[in-house]
């Protein structure tokens, strides 16, 4: 009887261990939730978008990772990361010297973000380049990567542009273009097209592509941040090699923007 009891207990213990998934802490991911189609709320109020769905693929690839998405304004994301309110940022973020210095960026990019001039659809002026915006009203978001591109160009060209800075996200800027308070902005044309359809705005992208930059996930530049990013990079590399990232990009945008 004693031997039978021990065998039963041993069997129960083995079954429990096999059915238990690896334990992991939930990783809070800061994202705007208003930057369609990369990060937004769907009709059911759930956060989704291309960037977030990439991380959901990463979760499936590495079961030790569990992400919880938390929406917040752009100017709160890096502050929240610094304060450990978030352990990761996902919001079409590109690289720059400041970010490389202070944060850990994923080594494997998951998208190519394009920069282009955005104007009102019925704009009849000859705006096709940044130089054409001299004397015009251009609106940009504080601390945004697109803002940095314009600022760098402006500095290299005698500061000929007058920039109106916005704390709010791109939605307000596009509305001001629609209402004639601004002449243009610079942002991703994919986002502009999506926003125009949702908000019924009459805007369009014009001119040549100004820049095309890879986008990255962002973590802290410490041991936990680097360890987290190592796992994410391993999953992203695998997803790229098997074609899952390309399929996801094609599903969202009818084109592969992952290379």
Protein backbone atom coordinates (compact mmCIF):
# COMPACT_ATOMS: atom_id res chain seq x y z
CA UNK A 1 0.00 0.00 0.00
CA UNK A 2 2.79 2.40 0.91
CA UNK A 3 4.63 1.63 -2.34
CA UNK A 4 1.42 2.11 -4.35
CA UNK A 5 0.77 5.47 -2.69
CA UNK A 6 4.30 6.66 -3.47
CA UNK A 7 3.94 5.58 -7.09
CA UNK A 8 0.62 7.43 -7.41
CA UNK A 9 2.05 10.59 -5.88
CA UNK A 10 5.05 10.38 -8.17
CA UNK A 11 2.80 9.97 -11.21
CA UNK A 12 0.63 12.94 -10.21
CA UNK A 13 3.69 15.09 -9.71
CA UNK A 14 5.04 14.20 -13.14
CA UNK A 15 1.76 15.02 -14.90
CA UNK A 16 1.51 18.40 -13.20
CA UNK A 17 5.03 19.38 -14.21
CA UNK A 18 4.44 18.39 -17.84
CA UNK A 19 1.23 20.44 -18.10
CA UNK A 20 2.65 23.58 -16.55
CA UNK A 21 3.84 26.23 -19.05
CA UNK A 22 7.11 28.07 -18.35
CA UNK A 23 6.50 30.90 -15.93
CA UNK A 24 7.24 34.43 -17.08
CA UNK A 25 6.53 37.97 -16.00
CA UNK A 26 4.18 40.00 -18.16
CA UNK A 27 6.07 42.52 -20.28
CA UNK A 28 4.24 45.83 -20.51
CA UNK A 29 4.54 47.41 -23.93
CA UNK A 30 4.04 51.14 -24.33
CA UNK A 31 2.30 52.20 -27.54
CA UNK A 32 0.21 55.16 -28.68
CA UNK A 33 -2.93 53.28 -29.67
CA UNK A 34 -3.85 56.16 -32.00
CA UNK A 35 -1.30 55.64 -34.78
CA UNK A 36 -3.27 53.66 -37.37
CA UNK A 37 -2.54 51.19 -38.84
CA UNK A 38 0.49 50.42 -36.68
CA UNK A 39 -1.08 50.88 -33.22
CA UNK A 40 -4.76 51.56 -32.57
CA UNK A 41 -7.95 50.35 -30.91
CA UNK A 42 -10.27 48.15 -32.96
CA UNK A 43 -14.08 48.32 -32.84
CA UNK A 44 -14.09 46.09 -29.77
CA UNK A 45 -11.74 48.45 -27.93
CA UNK A 46 -8.78 46.06 -28.16
CA UNK A 47 -5.33 47.35 -29.03
CA UNK A 48 -4.07 46.06 -32.36
CA UNK A 49 -2.10 47.26 -35.37
CA UNK A 50 0.83 45.92 -37.36
CA UNK A 51 3.47 46.56 -34.66
CA UNK A 52 1.41 44.85 -31.98
CA UNK A 53 0.59 41.89 -34.20
CA UNK A 54 4.31 41.42 -34.85
CA UNK A 55 4.79 41.07 -31.08
CA UNK A 56 1.90 38.61 -30.92
CA UNK A 57 3.78 36.49 -33.46
CA UNK A 58 6.87 36.81 -31.26
CA UNK A 59 4.80 35.51 -28.31
CA UNK A 60 3.83 32.43 -30.29
CA UNK A 61 7.41 31.85 -31.33
CA UNK A 62 8.74 32.19 -27.77
CA UNK A 63 6.16 31.06 -25.13
CA UNK A 64 8.31 32.52 -22.34
CA UNK A 65 7.29 36.01 -23.54
CA UNK A 66 3.93 37.51 -22.59
CA UNK A 67 3.06 41.05 -23.67
CA UNK A 68 0.50 43.46 -22.26
CA UNK A 69 -0.13 46.52 -24.40
CA UNK A 70 -0.65 49.87 -22.67
CA UNK A 71 -1.73 52.95 -24.64
CA UNK A 72 -0.35 56.41 -23.93
CA UNK A 73 0.51 59.66 -25.72
CA UNK A 74 3.77 59.81 -27.65
CA UNK A 75 5.51 62.14 -25.20
CA UNK A 76 4.86 59.68 -22.34
CA UNK A 77 6.32 56.57 -23.94
CA UNK A 78 10.04 57.04 -23.35
CA UNK A 79 9.33 58.61 -19.94
CA UNK A 80 7.34 55.49 -19.06
CA UNK A 81 10.15 53.24 -20.27
CA UNK A 82 12.67 55.12 -18.14
CA UNK A 83 10.39 54.76 -15.09
CA UNK A 84 9.79 51.03 -15.73
CA UNK A 85 6.11 51.65 -16.39
CA UNK A 86 6.84 49.87 -19.66
CA UNK A 87 9.56 47.34 -20.40
CA UNK A 88 9.24 47.72 -24.17
CA UNK A 89 8.05 50.29 -26.73
CA UNK A 90 6.31 49.45 -30.01
CA UNK A 91 5.23 52.38 -32.15
CA UNK A 92 7.02 52.49 -35.53
CA UNK A 93 10.14 53.84 -33.84
CA UNK A 94 13.27 54.40 -35.92
CA UNK A 95 16.86 54.74 -34.75
CA UNK A 96 18.80 57.92 -33.99
CA UNK A 97 22.02 58.66 -32.05
CA UNK A 98 20.17 59.58 -28.83
CA UNK A 99 18.14 56.38 -28.83
CA UNK A 100 21.19 54.26 -29.58
CA UNK A 101 23.01 55.90 -26.68
CA UNK A 102 20.29 55.50 -24.06
CA UNK A 103 18.26 52.43 -25.09
CA UNK A 104 18.48 48.90 -26.46
CA UNK A 105 17.08 48.59 -29.96
CA UNK A 106 16.17 45.29 -31.55
CA UNK A 107 18.93 44.21 -33.89
CA UNK A 108 16.36 42.82 -36.31
CA UNK A 109 14.11 45.51 -37.84
CA UNK A 110 10.53 44.46 -38.62
CA UNK A 111 9.39 47.21 -41.02
CA UNK A 112 10.65 49.98 -43.30
CA UNK A 113 9.11 53.34 -42.35
CA UNK A 114 8.84 55.80 -45.24
CA UNK A 115 8.86 59.60 -44.86
CA UNK A 116 6.94 61.78 -47.28
CA UNK A 117 5.30 65.21 -47.37
CA UNK A 118 1.58 65.18 -46.54
CA UNK A 119 -0.71 67.99 -47.77
CA UNK A 120 -4.41 68.66 -48.26
CA UNK A 121 -5.76 66.69 -51.20
CA UNK A 122 -6.95 69.76 -53.12
CA UNK A 123 -3.70 71.65 -52.56
CA UNK A 124 -2.82 73.18 -55.92
CA UNK A 125 0.58 74.57 -54.91
CA UNK A 126 3.81 73.07 -56.20
CA UNK A 127 4.84 71.40 -52.92
CA UNK A 128 6.92 68.35 -53.77
CA UNK A 129 10.12 68.90 -51.75
CA UNK A 130 11.06 70.23 -48.32
CA UNK A 131 12.48 73.33 -50.01
CA UNK A 132 8.98 74.07 -51.37
CA UNK A 133 7.78 74.46 -47.77
CA UNK A 134 9.72 77.70 -47.31
CA UNK A 135 7.22 80.34 -46.18
CA UNK A 136 4.60 77.63 -45.54
CA UNK A 137 3.19 76.32 -42.28
CA UNK A 138 4.49 72.86 -41.44
CA UNK A 139 3.37 70.93 -38.36
CA UNK A 140 5.43 68.24 -36.63
CA UNK A 141 5.19 66.24 -33.39
CA UNK A 142 7.74 66.98 -30.66
CA UNK A 143 10.41 64.27 -30.45
CA UNK A 144 9.12 62.30 -33.42
CA UNK A 145 11.55 60.62 -35.83
CA UNK A 146 9.92 62.39 -38.78
CA UNK A 147 10.47 65.68 -36.95
CA UNK A 148 14.14 64.86 -36.61
CA UNK A 149 14.45 64.26 -40.35
CA UNK A 150 12.96 67.67 -41.12
CA UNK A 151 14.99 69.41 -38.41
CA UNK A 152 18.23 67.93 -39.72
CA UNK A 153 17.38 68.98 -43.27
CA UNK A 154 16.38 72.45 -42.11
CA UNK A 155 19.63 72.92 -40.18
CA UNK A 156 21.66 71.86 -43.21
CA UNK A 157 19.74 74.27 -45.44
CA UNK A 158 19.92 77.52 -43.50
CA UNK A 159 16.85 76.96 -41.29
CA UNK A 160 14.51 78.19 -44.01
CA UNK A 161 11.49 76.32 -42.61
CA UNK A 162 9.25 77.55 -39.80
CA UNK A 163 8.07 74.53 -37.83
CA UNK A 164 4.94 74.47 -35.68
CA UNK A 165 5.48 71.89 -32.94
CA UNK A 166 2.64 69.77 -31.58
CA UNK A 167 2.51 67.85 -28.32
CA UNK A 168 -0.52 65.93 -29.63
CA UNK A 169 -0.24 62.99 -32.00
CA UNK A 170 -0.52 63.11 -35.79
CA UNK A 171 -4.33 63.18 -35.68
CA UNK A 172 -4.41 66.83 -34.63
CA UNK A 173 -1.83 67.80 -37.26
CA UNK A 174 -3.80 66.13 -40.06
CA UNK A 175 -7.00 67.83 -38.91
CA UNK A 176 -5.21 71.20 -39.00
CA UNK A 177 -4.05 70.47 -42.56
CA UNK A 178 -7.63 69.63 -43.48
CA UNK A 179 -8.87 72.89 -41.91
CA UNK A 180 -6.18 75.04 -43.53
CA UNK A 181 -4.29 75.90 -40.35
CA UNK A 182 -1.25 74.03 -41.70
CA UNK A 183 0.09 73.53 -45.20
CA UNK A 184 1.90 70.25 -44.64
CA UNK A 185 3.54 67.69 -42.39
CA UNK A 186 6.04 64.88 -42.94
CA UNK A 187 5.07 61.36 -41.97
CA UNK A 188 4.48 57.83 -43.22
CA UNK A 189 2.15 57.84 -46.28
CA UNK A 190 0.69 54.49 -45.19
CA UNK A 191 -0.44 56.09 -41.94
CA UNK A 192 -1.77 59.17 -43.80
CA UNK A 193 -3.85 57.06 -46.17
CA UNK A 194 -5.28 55.01 -43.32
CA UNK A 195 -6.08 58.07 -41.19
CA UNK A 196 -7.71 59.80 -44.15
CA UNK A 197 -10.05 56.85 -44.70
CA UNK A 198 -11.01 56.55 -41.03
CA UNK A 199 -11.40 60.26 -40.24
CA UNK A 200 -12.73 61.19 -43.70
CA UNK A 201 -9.87 63.63 -44.25
CA UNK A 202 -8.91 64.93 -47.68
CA UNK A 203 -5.14 64.60 -47.52
CA UNK A 204 -2.47 63.06 -49.75
CA UNK A 205 1.24 62.28 -49.90
CA UNK A 206 3.24 64.26 -52.47
CA UNK A 207 6.76 64.32 -53.89
CA UNK A 208 9.48 61.73 -53.64
CA UNK A 209 10.22 59.63 -50.57
CA UNK A 210 12.42 61.70 -48.25
CA UNK A 211 13.76 58.80 -46.23
CA UNK A 212 13.21 55.08 -45.70
CA UNK A 213 14.25 53.83 -42.27
CA UNK A 214 13.95 50.49 -40.45
CA UNK A 215 11.74 50.42 -37.37
CA UNK A 216 12.69 48.77 -34.09
CA UNK A 217 11.33 47.73 -30.72
CA UNK A 218 12.93 49.67 -27.84
CA UNK A 219 13.94 48.45 -24.36
CA UNK A 220 16.08 49.79 -21.55
CA UNK A 221 19.87 49.75 -21.84
CA UNK A 222 20.43 47.52 -18.82
CA UNK A 223 20.75 43.79 -18.20
CA UNK A 224 16.97 43.04 -18.14
CA UNK A 225 16.40 45.15 -21.25
CA UNK A 226 19.21 43.48 -23.15
CA UNK A 227 18.04 40.01 -22.08
CA UNK A 228 14.50 40.79 -23.22
CA UNK A 229 15.70 42.11 -26.56
CA UNK A 230 17.88 39.04 -27.12
CA UNK A 231 14.75 36.87 -26.93
CA UNK A 232 12.77 39.20 -29.19
CA UNK A 233 15.58 39.31 -31.76
CA UNK A 234 15.83 35.52 -31.84
CA UNK A 235 12.09 35.27 -32.48
CA UNK A 236 12.13 38.03 -35.12
CA UNK A 237 15.01 36.37 -36.97
CA UNK A 238 13.12 33.08 -37.04
CA UNK A 239 9.89 34.80 -38.18
CA UNK A 240 11.77 36.52 -40.99
CA UNK A 241 13.49 33.34 -42.14
CA UNK A 242 10.25 31.36 -42.27
CA UNK A 243 8.41 34.18 -44.07
CA UNK A 244 5.86 34.93 -41.34
CA UNK A 245 6.81 38.62 -41.10
CA UNK A 246 6.52 39.07 -44.86
CA UNK A 247 3.07 37.42 -44.78
CA UNK A 248 1.94 39.71 -41.96
CA UNK A 249 3.15 42.82 -43.80
CA UNK A 250 1.40 41.72 -46.99
CA UNK A 251 -1.78 41.03 -45.04
CA UNK A 252 -1.79 44.55 -43.58
CA UNK A 253 -0.39 46.58 -46.49
CA UNK A 254 -0.59 44.40 -49.63
CA UNK A 255 3.19 44.62 -49.83
CA UNK A 256 6.23 43.28 -47.99
CA UNK A 257 7.84 46.17 -46.09
CA UNK A 258 10.04 43.95 -43.93
CA UNK A 259 13.18 44.05 -46.11
